[in-house]
Amino acid sequence: MGSLAFDPPQVSTLGVFTPGSVKLKEKVLTITGTRSTLIIDKMKPALSGTVSMSLIIYLGADDPSIILPRLQESLFFADLKSAVDSLPPWLRAVVPYVTDPPKQQGLTPWILRDGEWSRISGDSNNVKMPKPLHEVAPEFTGQARSQKMRGAVTLAFVVTEHGAVDSVWLVNPIGLGLDESAAKAASQYTFEPAQVDGKPVGVLICMEINFQVD
């Protein structure tokens, strides 16, 4: 029986790949479709910034009739709602809104304490957000520089109670290798940890990393 093996991702993403056509040739599976950015529109999940994309999977010696159903189950959701529902609540909080999120939804930060995520309750004055101590400049890729690409990559990541960066997620990509460059740079940041009632806690934050051609 064949088995699936996945390399660890360089960065996790809130992007959505929607398959279109599927082609199998000499143990190489090519799925052509589109990649979009996940957003919230009128309180419902939606897609924005759609671009063409191909997913290439090498099946090796595995029997396609066995491995293909497993791929479908492992890689894809039945619909967009199912995909969004699979996200932990603290991560759903950073999905971009078309307009500002309504006040009744609450902008209370999520915190990580004793291995559990929860919303901060009570007086927001008791909350001290993390402060950067060490930042690393992202590298501009050759492809992006040749195309004079400029823009901002939006990342969401956890600043742990020790001030380290963990669980980097790509919220708003711009491509040409800059997404990976931004994630690599952010993963090397260090912070003064967030505090609640004077005690360090982990917290989820969003950050834009800007790229400009000199």
N, C-alpha and C. Protein backbone atom coordinates (compact mmCIF):
# COMPACT_ATOMS: atom_id res chain seq x y z
N MET A 1 0.84 -1.18 0.00
CA MET A 1 0.00 0.00 0.00
C MET A 1 0.89 1.25 0.00
N GLY A 2 0.56 2.19 -0.85
CA GLY A 2 1.32 3.42 -0.90
C GLY A 2 1.01 4.32 0.28
N SER A 3 1.91 5.21 0.57
CA SER A 3 1.72 6.15 1.67
C SER A 3 2.06 7.54 1.19
N LEU A 4 1.51 8.55 1.86
CA LEU A 4 1.75 9.94 1.51
C LEU A 4 2.86 10.50 2.38
N ALA A 5 3.73 11.30 1.78
CA ALA A 5 4.80 11.97 2.52
C ALA A 5 4.80 13.44 2.12
N PHE A 6 4.84 14.31 3.12
CA PHE A 6 4.79 15.74 2.87
C PHE A 6 6.00 16.40 3.48
N ASP A 7 6.65 17.27 2.70
CA ASP A 7 7.73 18.09 3.25
C ASP A 7 7.10 19.20 4.08
N PRO A 8 7.74 19.59 5.19
CA PRO A 8 7.21 20.70 5.98
C PRO A 8 7.13 21.97 5.14
N PRO A 9 6.03 22.73 5.22
CA PRO A 9 5.91 23.96 4.43
C PRO A 9 6.85 25.04 4.91
N GLN A 10 7.35 25.86 3.98
CA GLN A 10 8.18 26.99 4.37
C GLN A 10 7.36 28.01 5.14
N VAL A 11 6.12 28.17 4.74
CA VAL A 11 5.21 29.08 5.42
C VAL A 11 3.79 28.58 5.19
N SER A 12 2.98 28.63 6.23
CA SER A 12 1.56 28.27 6.07
C SER A 12 0.82 29.47 5.51
N THR A 13 -0.26 29.22 4.78
CA THR A 13 -0.93 30.31 4.09
C THR A 13 -2.44 30.22 4.24
N LEU A 14 -3.07 31.38 4.24
CA LEU A 14 -4.52 31.46 4.21
C LEU A 14 -5.02 31.58 2.78
N GLY A 15 -4.13 31.34 1.81
CA GLY A 15 -4.53 31.29 0.41
C GLY A 15 -5.35 30.04 0.13
N VAL A 16 -6.15 30.11 -0.91
CA VAL A 16 -7.03 29.00 -1.28
C VAL A 16 -6.72 28.56 -2.70
N PHE A 17 -6.42 27.27 -2.87
CA PHE A 17 -6.20 26.72 -4.20
C PHE A 17 -7.47 26.01 -4.65
N THR A 18 -8.01 26.45 -5.79
CA THR A 18 -9.22 25.85 -6.35
C THR A 18 -8.85 25.08 -7.60
N PRO A 19 -8.95 23.74 -7.57
CA PRO A 19 -8.55 22.94 -8.74
C PRO A 19 -9.50 23.11 -9.91
N GLY A 20 -8.92 23.02 -11.11
CA GLY A 20 -9.71 23.09 -12.33
C GLY A 20 -9.59 21.78 -13.09
N SER A 21 -8.47 21.59 -13.79
CA SER A 21 -8.23 20.38 -14.56
C SER A 21 -7.16 19.52 -13.91
N VAL A 22 -7.23 18.21 -14.17
CA VAL A 22 -6.28 17.25 -13.61
C VAL A 22 -5.70 16.42 -14.75
N LYS A 23 -4.36 16.30 -14.76
CA LYS A 23 -3.70 15.52 -15.81
C LYS A 23 -2.67 14.59 -15.18
N LEU A 24 -2.72 13.31 -15.54
CA LEU A 24 -1.77 12.33 -15.05
C LEU A 24 -0.95 11.80 -16.21
N LYS A 25 0.39 11.95 -16.12
CA LYS A 25 1.28 11.48 -17.17
C LYS A 25 2.55 10.94 -16.55
N GLU A 26 2.80 9.66 -16.78
CA GLU A 26 4.03 9.01 -16.32
C GLU A 26 4.31 9.29 -14.84
N LYS A 27 3.31 9.01 -14.02
CA LYS A 27 3.43 9.13 -12.56
C LYS A 27 3.56 10.57 -12.07
N VAL A 28 3.31 11.53 -12.95
CA VAL A 28 3.31 12.94 -12.55
C VAL A 28 1.90 13.48 -12.66
N LEU A 29 1.36 13.93 -11.53
CA LEU A 29 0.01 14.47 -11.49
C LEU A 29 0.08 15.99 -11.50
N THR A 30 -0.56 16.61 -12.49
CA THR A 30 -0.59 18.06 -12.59
C THR A 30 -2.02 18.54 -12.40
N ILE A 31 -2.23 19.33 -11.36
CA ILE A 31 -3.55 19.91 -11.10
C ILE A 31 -3.46 21.40 -11.39
N THR A 32 -4.19 21.84 -12.39
CA THR A 32 -4.20 23.25 -12.78
C THR A 32 -5.44 23.92 -12.22
N GLY A 33 -5.24 25.09 -11.62
CA GLY A 33 -6.37 25.79 -11.04
C GLY A 33 -6.02 27.23 -10.74
N THR A 34 -6.55 27.76 -9.66
CA THR A 34 -6.32 29.15 -9.29
C THR A 34 -6.00 29.25 -7.80
N ARG A 35 -5.19 30.24 -7.46
CA ARG A 35 -4.93 30.56 -6.06
C ARG A 35 -5.55 31.91 -5.74
N SER A 36 -6.25 31.97 -4.63
CA SER A 36 -6.93 33.20 -4.22
C SER A 36 -6.60 33.51 -2.76
N THR A 37 -6.82 34.76 -2.38
CA THR A 37 -6.65 35.18 -1.00
C THR A 37 -7.99 35.07 -0.28
N LEU A 38 -7.97 34.46 0.88
CA LEU A 38 -9.20 34.32 1.67
C LEU A 38 -9.52 35.65 2.34
N ILE A 39 -10.77 36.10 2.20
CA ILE A 39 -11.24 37.33 2.84
C ILE A 39 -12.61 37.08 3.46
N ILE A 40 -13.07 38.05 4.22
CA ILE A 40 -14.43 38.03 4.75
C ILE A 40 -15.21 39.16 4.08
N ASP A 41 -16.30 38.83 3.43
CA ASP A 41 -17.13 39.81 2.73
C ASP A 41 -18.56 39.67 3.25
N LYS A 42 -19.04 40.74 3.90
CA LYS A 42 -20.40 40.72 4.46
C LYS A 42 -20.58 39.53 5.41
N MET A 43 -19.56 39.34 6.22
CA MET A 43 -19.56 38.31 7.27
C MET A 43 -19.50 36.89 6.74
N LYS A 44 -19.20 36.72 5.45
CA LYS A 44 -19.09 35.39 4.86
C LYS A 44 -17.72 35.23 4.20
N PRO A 45 -17.17 34.02 4.20
CA PRO A 45 -15.88 33.80 3.53
C PRO A 45 -16.00 34.00 2.03
N ALA A 46 -14.98 34.60 1.43
CA ALA A 46 -14.98 34.85 -0.01
C ALA A 46 -13.53 34.82 -0.48
N LEU A 47 -13.35 34.94 -1.80
CA LEU A 47 -12.02 34.87 -2.40
C LEU A 47 -11.71 36.16 -3.14
N SER A 48 -10.43 36.54 -3.14
CA SER A 48 -10.00 37.77 -3.80
C SER A 48 -8.62 37.55 -4.40
N GLY A 49 -8.26 38.37 -5.39
CA GLY A 49 -6.91 38.32 -5.95
C GLY A 49 -6.57 37.00 -6.59
N THR A 50 -7.44 36.49 -7.43
CA THR A 50 -7.26 35.17 -8.03
C THR A 50 -6.21 35.19 -9.14
N VAL A 51 -5.27 34.23 -9.08
CA VAL A 51 -4.24 34.08 -10.11
C VAL A 51 -4.14 32.61 -10.48
N SER A 52 -3.62 32.34 -11.68
CA SER A 52 -3.46 30.95 -12.14
C SER A 52 -2.34 30.27 -11.36
N MET A 53 -2.50 28.96 -11.16
CA MET A 53 -1.52 28.20 -10.40
C MET A 53 -1.62 26.73 -10.78
N SER A 54 -0.50 26.04 -10.74
CA SER A 54 -0.46 24.59 -10.98
C SER A 54 0.17 23.89 -9.80
N LEU A 55 -0.39 22.77 -9.43
CA LEU A 55 0.13 21.94 -8.36
C LEU A 55 0.65 20.65 -8.98
N ILE A 56 1.96 20.37 -8.83
CA ILE A 56 2.58 19.20 -9.44
C ILE A 56 2.96 18.21 -8.34
N ILE A 57 2.49 16.98 -8.50
CA ILE A 57 2.71 15.95 -7.49
C ILE A 57 3.34 14.74 -8.16
N TYR A 58 4.47 14.28 -7.62
CA TYR A 58 5.15 13.11 -8.14
C TYR A 58 4.69 11.88 -7.36
N LEU A 59 4.07 10.94 -8.05
CA LEU A 59 3.46 9.79 -7.41
C LEU A 59 4.45 8.66 -7.16
N GLY A 60 5.60 8.69 -7.81
CA GLY A 60 6.57 7.62 -7.63
C GLY A 60 6.03 6.29 -8.10
N ALA A 61 6.28 5.24 -7.33
CA ALA A 61 5.86 3.90 -7.72
C ALA A 61 4.47 3.55 -7.21
N ASP A 62 3.81 4.48 -6.53
CA ASP A 62 2.49 4.18 -5.96
C ASP A 62 1.44 4.00 -7.05
N ASP A 63 0.47 3.17 -6.76
CA ASP A 63 -0.65 2.92 -7.67
C ASP A 63 -1.57 4.13 -7.65
N PRO A 64 -1.76 4.82 -8.80
CA PRO A 64 -2.62 6.02 -8.82
C PRO A 64 -4.03 5.76 -8.30
N SER A 65 -4.58 4.56 -8.57
CA SER A 65 -5.95 4.28 -8.12
C SER A 65 -6.06 4.26 -6.60
N ILE A 66 -4.92 4.04 -5.92
CA ILE A 66 -4.90 4.04 -4.46
C ILE A 66 -4.56 5.42 -3.91
N ILE A 67 -3.55 6.05 -4.51
CA ILE A 67 -3.03 7.29 -3.96
C ILE A 67 -3.92 8.50 -4.26
N LEU A 68 -4.61 8.53 -5.41
CA LEU A 68 -5.40 9.70 -5.77
C LEU A 68 -6.54 9.98 -4.79
N PRO A 69 -7.32 8.98 -4.38
CA PRO A 69 -8.35 9.27 -3.37
C PRO A 69 -7.77 9.80 -2.06
N ARG A 70 -6.58 9.31 -1.70
CA ARG A 70 -5.94 9.79 -0.48
C ARG A 70 -5.50 11.25 -0.62
N LEU A 71 -5.01 11.58 -1.81
CA LEU A 71 -4.63 12.97 -2.06
C LEU A 71 -5.83 13.89 -1.95
N GLN A 72 -6.92 13.48 -2.53
CA GLN A 72 -8.13 14.30 -2.48
C GLN A 72 -8.58 14.53 -1.04
N GLU A 73 -8.52 13.48 -0.24
CA GLU A 73 -8.94 13.59 1.15
C GLU A 73 -7.97 14.42 1.98
N SER A 74 -6.67 14.32 1.66
CA SER A 74 -5.65 15.00 2.46
C SER A 74 -5.48 16.46 2.09
N LEU A 75 -5.69 16.82 0.82
CA LEU A 75 -5.35 18.15 0.34
C LEU A 75 -6.53 19.10 0.17
N PHE A 76 -7.73 18.58 -0.01
CA PHE A 76 -8.84 19.44 -0.40
C PHE A 76 -10.03 19.33 0.54
N PHE A 77 -10.77 20.44 0.62
CA PHE A 77 -12.02 20.48 1.36
C PHE A 77 -13.18 20.45 0.37
N ALA A 78 -14.34 20.07 0.86
CA ALA A 78 -15.52 19.98 -0.02
C ALA A 78 -15.96 21.35 -0.50
N ASP A 79 -15.81 22.38 0.34
CA ASP A 79 -16.22 23.73 -0.03
C ASP A 79 -15.46 24.73 0.83
N LEU A 80 -15.66 26.02 0.51
CA LEU A 80 -14.92 27.07 1.20
C LEU A 80 -15.30 27.15 2.68
N LYS A 81 -16.56 26.97 2.98
CA LYS A 81 -17.01 27.03 4.38
C LYS A 81 -16.31 25.96 5.22
N SER A 82 -16.19 24.76 4.66
CA SER A 82 -15.53 23.68 5.40
C SER A 82 -14.06 24.03 5.66
N ALA A 83 -13.42 24.67 4.68
CA ALA A 83 -12.03 25.06 4.85
C ALA A 83 -11.88 26.10 5.96
N VAL A 84 -12.75 27.10 5.96
CA VAL A 84 -12.68 28.15 6.98
C VAL A 84 -13.00 27.58 8.36
N ASP A 85 -13.99 26.69 8.42
CA ASP A 85 -14.37 26.09 9.70
C ASP A 85 -13.24 25.26 10.30
N SER A 86 -12.31 24.80 9.45
CA SER A 86 -11.20 23.98 9.95
C SER A 86 -10.14 24.82 10.65
N LEU A 87 -10.16 26.15 10.43
CA LEU A 87 -9.18 27.03 11.06
C LEU A 87 -9.50 27.19 12.55
N PRO A 88 -8.48 27.22 13.39
CA PRO A 88 -8.75 27.50 14.81
C PRO A 88 -9.29 28.91 14.97
N PRO A 89 -10.14 29.15 15.96
CA PRO A 89 -10.78 30.48 16.12
C PRO A 89 -9.78 31.61 16.20
N TRP A 90 -8.63 31.40 16.87
CA TRP A 90 -7.66 32.49 17.00
C TRP A 90 -7.07 32.88 15.66
N LEU A 91 -7.01 31.93 14.70
CA LEU A 91 -6.46 32.24 13.39
C LEU A 91 -7.52 32.89 12.50
N ARG A 92 -8.78 32.52 12.65
CA ARG A 92 -9.84 33.16 11.88
C ARG A 92 -9.89 34.66 12.13
N ALA A 93 -9.42 35.06 13.32
CA ALA A 93 -9.47 36.48 13.68
C ALA A 93 -8.61 37.35 12.79
N VAL A 94 -7.66 36.77 12.05
CA VAL A 94 -6.77 37.59 11.22
C VAL A 94 -7.14 37.55 9.75
N VAL A 95 -8.20 36.84 9.37
CA VAL A 95 -8.63 36.83 7.97
C VAL A 95 -9.08 38.23 7.59
N PRO A 96 -8.54 38.80 6.50
CA PRO A 96 -8.86 40.20 6.16
C PRO A 96 -10.33 40.40 5.84
N TYR A 97 -10.86 41.54 6.27
CA TYR A 97 -12.22 41.96 5.94
C TYR A 97 -12.17 42.89 4.73
N VAL A 98 -13.24 42.84 3.92
CA VAL A 98 -13.36 43.79 2.81
C VAL A 98 -13.49 45.19 3.39
N THR A 99 -14.26 45.33 4.45
CA THR A 99 -14.35 46.57 5.20
C THR A 99 -13.94 46.25 6.63
N ASP A 100 -13.86 47.28 7.46
CA ASP A 100 -13.47 47.04 8.84
C ASP A 100 -14.43 46.07 9.52
N PRO A 101 -13.94 45.16 10.33
CA PRO A 101 -14.83 44.23 11.02
C PRO A 101 -15.79 44.98 11.92
N PRO A 102 -17.05 44.56 11.98
CA PRO A 102 -18.02 45.25 12.82
C PRO A 102 -17.63 45.20 14.29
N LYS A 103 -17.95 46.27 15.01
CA LYS A 103 -17.53 46.38 16.40
C LYS A 103 -18.10 45.26 17.26
N GLN A 104 -19.32 44.79 16.92
CA GLN A 104 -19.91 43.77 17.76
C GLN A 104 -19.16 42.45 17.69
N GLN A 105 -18.30 42.29 16.68
CA GLN A 105 -17.51 41.07 16.61
C GLN A 105 -16.37 41.10 17.62
N GLY A 106 -16.01 42.28 18.04
CA GLY A 106 -14.96 42.40 19.06
C GLY A 106 -13.57 42.34 18.47
N LEU A 107 -12.72 43.21 18.91
CA LEU A 107 -11.34 43.21 18.47
C LEU A 107 -10.42 42.75 19.61
N THR A 108 -10.99 42.05 20.58
CA THR A 108 -10.23 41.57 21.71
C THR A 108 -9.16 40.59 21.25
N PRO A 109 -7.90 40.80 21.64
CA PRO A 109 -6.83 39.89 21.19
C PRO A 109 -7.01 38.49 21.75
N TRP A 110 -6.46 37.55 21.02
CA TRP A 110 -6.37 36.18 21.52
C TRP A 110 -5.01 36.02 22.17
N ILE A 111 -4.98 35.29 23.28
CA ILE A 111 -3.72 35.05 23.97
C ILE A 111 -3.52 33.56 24.17
N LEU A 112 -2.25 33.17 24.27
CA LEU A 112 -1.87 31.78 24.51
C LEU A 112 -1.25 31.70 25.90
N ARG A 113 -1.93 30.96 26.78
CA ARG A 113 -1.46 30.83 28.14
C ARG A 113 -1.62 29.38 28.59
N ASP A 114 -0.52 28.81 29.07
CA ASP A 114 -0.52 27.41 29.51
C ASP A 114 -0.98 26.47 28.40
N GLY A 115 -0.58 26.79 27.16
CA GLY A 115 -0.88 25.92 26.03
C GLY A 115 -2.30 26.02 25.50
N GLU A 116 -3.10 26.97 26.00
CA GLU A 116 -4.49 27.11 25.58
C GLU A 116 -4.75 28.53 25.08
N TRP A 117 -5.50 28.62 23.96
CA TRP A 117 -5.88 29.92 23.42
C TRP A 117 -7.18 30.37 24.05
N SER A 118 -7.27 31.68 24.32
CA SER A 118 -8.52 32.25 24.84
C SER A 118 -8.55 33.73 24.52
N ARG A 119 -9.76 34.28 24.51
CA ARG A 119 -9.89 35.73 24.34
C ARG A 119 -9.56 36.43 25.65
N ILE A 120 -8.99 37.61 25.54
CA ILE A 120 -8.72 38.40 26.73
C ILE A 120 -10.04 39.02 27.18
N SER A 121 -10.36 38.84 28.43
CA SER A 121 -11.58 39.42 28.98
C SER A 121 -11.20 40.49 30.00
N GLY A 122 -12.16 41.35 30.29
CA GLY A 122 -11.93 42.37 31.31
C GLY A 122 -11.33 43.64 30.75
N ASP A 123 -10.62 44.35 31.58
CA ASP A 123 -10.09 45.67 31.27
C ASP A 123 -8.91 45.55 30.31
N SER A 124 -9.05 46.16 29.11
CA SER A 124 -7.98 46.09 28.11
C SER A 124 -6.73 46.81 28.58
N ASN A 125 -6.85 47.66 29.63
CA ASN A 125 -5.66 48.36 30.15
C ASN A 125 -4.68 47.39 30.81
N ASN A 126 -5.18 46.18 31.11
CA ASN A 126 -4.31 45.19 31.73
C ASN A 126 -3.46 44.45 30.70
N VAL A 127 -3.66 44.79 29.41
CA VAL A 127 -2.97 44.09 28.32
C VAL A 127 -1.82 44.96 27.80
N LYS A 128 -0.64 44.38 27.72
CA LYS A 128 0.52 45.04 27.15
C LYS A 128 0.97 44.23 25.95
N MET A 129 0.88 44.81 24.76
CA MET A 129 1.22 44.09 23.54
C MET A 129 2.74 43.96 23.39
N PRO A 130 3.19 42.99 22.59
CA PRO A 130 4.64 42.78 22.44
C PRO A 130 5.32 43.94 21.72
N LYS A 131 6.60 44.14 22.04
CA LYS A 131 7.40 45.17 21.39
C LYS A 131 8.61 44.53 20.70
N PRO A 132 8.87 44.90 19.44
CA PRO A 132 10.03 44.32 18.74
C PRO A 132 11.35 44.71 19.41
N LEU A 133 12.22 43.74 19.57
CA LEU A 133 13.55 43.97 20.10
C LEU A 133 14.61 43.82 19.02
N HIS A 134 14.37 42.89 18.09
CA HIS A 134 15.33 42.64 17.01
C HIS A 134 14.56 42.31 15.75
N GLU A 135 14.82 43.06 14.68
CA GLU A 135 14.16 42.85 13.40
C GLU A 135 15.19 42.51 12.33
N VAL A 136 14.77 41.71 11.38
CA VAL A 136 15.64 41.29 10.28
C VAL A 136 15.03 41.79 8.97
N ALA A 137 15.84 42.46 8.17
CA ALA A 137 15.36 42.97 6.88
C ALA A 137 15.17 41.81 5.90
N PRO A 138 14.03 41.76 5.21
CA PRO A 138 13.80 40.69 4.23
C PRO A 138 14.64 40.90 2.98
N GLU A 139 14.98 39.82 2.32
CA GLU A 139 15.74 39.91 1.08
C GLU A 139 14.80 40.12 -0.11
N PHE A 140 15.23 40.99 -1.02
CA PHE A 140 14.47 41.24 -2.25
C PHE A 140 14.92 40.20 -3.27
N THR A 141 14.01 39.40 -3.79
CA THR A 141 14.39 38.37 -4.75
C THR A 141 14.76 38.99 -6.09
N GLY A 142 15.59 38.26 -6.84
CA GLY A 142 16.02 38.75 -8.14
C GLY A 142 14.86 38.94 -9.09
N GLN A 143 13.91 38.00 -9.07
CA GLN A 143 12.75 38.10 -9.96
C GLN A 143 11.91 39.32 -9.63
N ALA A 144 11.71 39.58 -8.34
CA ALA A 144 10.92 40.74 -7.94
C ALA A 144 11.64 42.04 -8.30
N ARG A 145 12.96 42.05 -8.13
CA ARG A 145 13.71 43.26 -8.45
C ARG A 145 13.69 43.55 -9.95
N SER A 146 13.82 42.49 -10.77
CA SER A 146 13.83 42.68 -12.22
C SER A 146 12.48 43.20 -12.72
N GLN A 147 11.41 42.85 -12.02
CA GLN A 147 10.08 43.31 -12.40
C GLN A 147 9.66 44.57 -11.64
N LYS A 148 10.61 45.11 -10.86
CA LYS A 148 10.37 46.32 -10.08
C LYS A 148 9.12 46.19 -9.23
N MET A 149 9.01 45.03 -8.61
CA MET A 149 7.86 44.73 -7.77
C MET A 149 7.93 45.53 -6.48
N ARG A 150 6.79 46.04 -6.06
CA ARG A 150 6.71 46.71 -4.77
C ARG A 150 5.36 46.39 -4.14
N GLY A 151 5.33 46.41 -2.84
CA GLY A 151 4.10 46.09 -2.14
C GLY A 151 4.39 45.59 -0.74
N ALA A 152 3.35 45.09 -0.08
CA ALA A 152 3.48 44.64 1.30
C ALA A 152 2.93 43.23 1.44
N VAL A 153 3.68 42.40 2.14
CA VAL A 153 3.23 41.06 2.50
C VAL A 153 2.66 41.13 3.92
N THR A 154 1.45 40.64 4.10
CA THR A 154 0.86 40.61 5.44
C THR A 154 1.02 39.23 6.05
N LEU A 155 1.63 39.19 7.22
CA LEU A 155 1.85 37.94 7.94
C LEU A 155 1.09 37.96 9.26
N ALA A 156 0.71 36.80 9.71
CA ALA A 156 0.20 36.63 11.07
C ALA A 156 1.10 35.60 11.74
N PHE A 157 1.48 35.87 12.97
CA PHE A 157 2.32 34.91 13.67
C PHE A 157 2.14 35.04 15.17
N VAL A 158 2.58 34.01 15.86
CA VAL A 158 2.50 33.97 17.31
C VAL A 158 3.80 34.50 17.89
N VAL A 159 3.70 35.45 18.81
CA VAL A 159 4.84 35.85 19.63
C VAL A 159 4.67 35.12 20.96
N THR A 160 5.56 34.19 21.25
CA THR A 160 5.43 33.36 22.43
C THR A 160 5.70 34.15 23.71
N GLU A 161 5.43 33.53 24.83
CA GLU A 161 5.66 34.18 26.13
C GLU A 161 7.14 34.43 26.38
N HIS A 162 7.99 33.82 25.55
CA HIS A 162 9.44 34.04 25.66
C HIS A 162 9.94 35.06 24.63
N GLY A 163 9.02 35.59 23.80
CA GLY A 163 9.39 36.62 22.84
C GLY A 163 9.85 36.11 21.50
N ALA A 164 9.76 34.80 21.26
CA ALA A 164 10.14 34.22 19.97
C ALA A 164 8.94 34.19 19.03
N VAL A 165 9.22 34.07 17.73
CA VAL A 165 8.16 33.99 16.72
C VAL A 165 7.88 32.53 16.39
N ASP A 166 6.61 32.19 16.32
CA ASP A 166 6.20 30.82 16.03
C ASP A 166 4.96 30.86 15.13
N SER A 167 4.74 29.78 14.40
CA SER A 167 3.51 29.60 13.60
C SER A 167 3.26 30.78 12.66
N VAL A 168 4.17 30.98 11.71
CA VAL A 168 4.03 32.08 10.74
C VAL A 168 3.01 31.70 9.68
N TRP A 169 2.02 32.56 9.47
CA TRP A 169 0.98 32.36 8.45
C TRP A 169 0.99 33.52 7.46
N LEU A 170 0.84 33.18 6.19
CA LEU A 170 0.76 34.19 5.14
C LEU A 170 -0.70 34.59 4.95
N VAL A 171 -1.00 35.85 5.22
CA VAL A 171 -2.38 36.33 5.13
C VAL A 171 -2.66 36.98 3.78
N ASN A 172 -1.74 37.84 3.35
CA ASN A 172 -1.93 38.56 2.07
C ASN A 172 -0.63 38.48 1.26
N PRO A 173 -0.57 37.61 0.23
CA PRO A 173 0.67 37.40 -0.53
C PRO A 173 0.82 38.41 -1.67
N ILE A 174 2.06 38.55 -2.16
CA ILE A 174 2.29 39.33 -3.38
C ILE A 174 3.11 38.55 -4.40
N GLY A 175 3.67 37.40 -4.02
CA GLY A 175 4.33 36.52 -4.98
C GLY A 175 5.77 36.88 -5.27
N LEU A 176 6.31 36.24 -6.33
CA LEU A 176 7.67 36.44 -6.81
C LEU A 176 8.73 36.15 -5.73
N GLY A 177 8.42 35.24 -4.83
CA GLY A 177 9.36 34.85 -3.80
C GLY A 177 9.40 35.76 -2.59
N LEU A 178 8.66 36.88 -2.64
CA LEU A 178 8.69 37.83 -1.54
C LEU A 178 7.92 37.32 -0.32
N ASP A 179 6.93 36.47 -0.54
CA ASP A 179 6.17 35.91 0.58
C ASP A 179 7.08 35.08 1.47
N GLU A 180 7.86 34.19 0.83
CA GLU A 180 8.77 33.35 1.58
C GLU A 180 9.87 34.18 2.25
N SER A 181 10.34 35.22 1.54
CA SER A 181 11.38 36.08 2.09
C SER A 181 10.88 36.81 3.33
N ALA A 182 9.64 37.30 3.27
CA ALA A 182 9.06 38.00 4.42
C ALA A 182 8.90 37.06 5.60
N ALA A 183 8.42 35.84 5.33
CA ALA A 183 8.22 34.87 6.40
C ALA A 183 9.55 34.48 7.05
N LYS A 184 10.58 34.31 6.22
CA LYS A 184 11.90 33.95 6.75
C LYS A 184 12.45 35.05 7.64
N ALA A 185 12.26 36.30 7.22
CA ALA A 185 12.74 37.42 8.02
C ALA A 185 11.98 37.52 9.34
N ALA A 186 10.65 37.42 9.27
CA ALA A 186 9.83 37.55 10.47
C ALA A 186 10.12 36.46 11.49
N SER A 187 10.44 35.27 10.99
CA SER A 187 10.71 34.15 11.91
C SER A 187 11.95 34.38 12.76
N GLN A 188 12.79 35.36 12.37
CA GLN A 188 14.01 35.66 13.12
C GLN A 188 13.85 36.85 14.06
N TYR A 189 12.66 37.47 14.07
CA TYR A 189 12.41 38.58 14.98
C TYR A 189 12.42 38.08 16.43
N THR A 190 12.74 38.97 17.33
CA THR A 190 12.53 38.71 18.75
C THR A 190 11.77 39.89 19.35
N PHE A 191 10.99 39.60 20.40
CA PHE A 191 10.11 40.60 20.99
C PHE A 191 10.23 40.60 22.51
N GLU A 192 9.86 41.73 23.08
CA GLU A 192 9.50 41.75 24.49
C GLU A 192 8.09 41.17 24.56
N PRO A 193 7.87 40.11 25.29
CA PRO A 193 6.58 39.40 25.22
C PRO A 193 5.40 40.28 25.63
N ALA A 194 4.23 39.91 25.15
CA ALA A 194 2.99 40.53 25.61
C ALA A 194 2.76 40.16 27.07
N GLN A 195 2.00 40.99 27.77
CA GLN A 195 1.70 40.72 29.17
C GLN A 195 0.21 40.95 29.44
N VAL A 196 -0.33 40.13 30.30
CA VAL A 196 -1.68 40.32 30.83
C VAL A 196 -1.58 40.28 32.34
N ASP A 197 -2.02 41.37 32.96
CA ASP A 197 -1.91 41.48 34.42
C ASP A 197 -0.47 41.29 34.89
N GLY A 198 0.48 41.78 34.07
CA GLY A 198 1.88 41.74 34.45
C GLY A 198 2.58 40.42 34.22
N LYS A 199 1.89 39.44 33.63
CA LYS A 199 2.49 38.13 33.37
C LYS A 199 2.64 37.91 31.87
N PRO A 200 3.79 37.38 31.40
CA PRO A 200 4.00 37.17 29.96
C PRO A 200 3.06 36.10 29.41
N VAL A 201 2.56 36.36 28.20
CA VAL A 201 1.67 35.43 27.51
C VAL A 201 2.04 35.42 26.03
N GLY A 202 1.62 34.38 25.34
CA GLY A 202 1.74 34.36 23.89
C GLY A 202 0.57 35.11 23.28
N VAL A 203 0.80 35.69 22.12
CA VAL A 203 -0.26 36.46 21.47
C VAL A 203 -0.10 36.37 19.96
N LEU A 204 -1.22 36.43 19.26
CA LEU A 204 -1.20 36.43 17.79
C LEU A 204 -1.22 37.86 17.29
N ILE A 205 -0.29 38.20 16.40
CA ILE A 205 -0.26 39.55 15.84
C ILE A 205 -0.18 39.49 14.32
N CYS A 206 -0.59 40.57 13.69
CA CYS A 206 -0.44 40.74 12.23
C CYS A 206 0.63 41.79 11.98
N MET A 207 1.37 41.61 10.90
CA MET A 207 2.41 42.58 10.55
C MET A 207 2.55 42.66 9.04
N GLU A 208 2.69 43.88 8.54
CA GLU A 208 2.98 44.09 7.13
C GLU A 208 4.48 44.27 6.96
N ILE A 209 5.05 43.57 5.99
CA ILE A 209 6.46 43.74 5.64
C ILE A 209 6.52 44.33 4.24
N ASN A 210 7.05 45.52 4.13
CA ASN A 210 7.03 46.26 2.88
C ASN A 210 8.28 46.01 2.04
N PHE A 211 8.06 45.95 0.74
CA PHE A 211 9.14 45.80 -0.22
C PHE A 211 9.07 46.98 -1.20
N GLN A 212 10.18 47.69 -1.34
CA GLN A 212 10.26 48.81 -2.27
C GLN A 212 11.55 48.71 -3.07
N VAL A 213 11.45 48.96 -4.36
CA VAL A 213 12.63 48.95 -5.22
C VAL A 213 13.43 50.23 -4.99
N ASP A 214 14.73 50.08 -4.77
CA ASP A 214 15.58 51.27 -4.55
C ASP A 214 15.68 52.09 -5.83
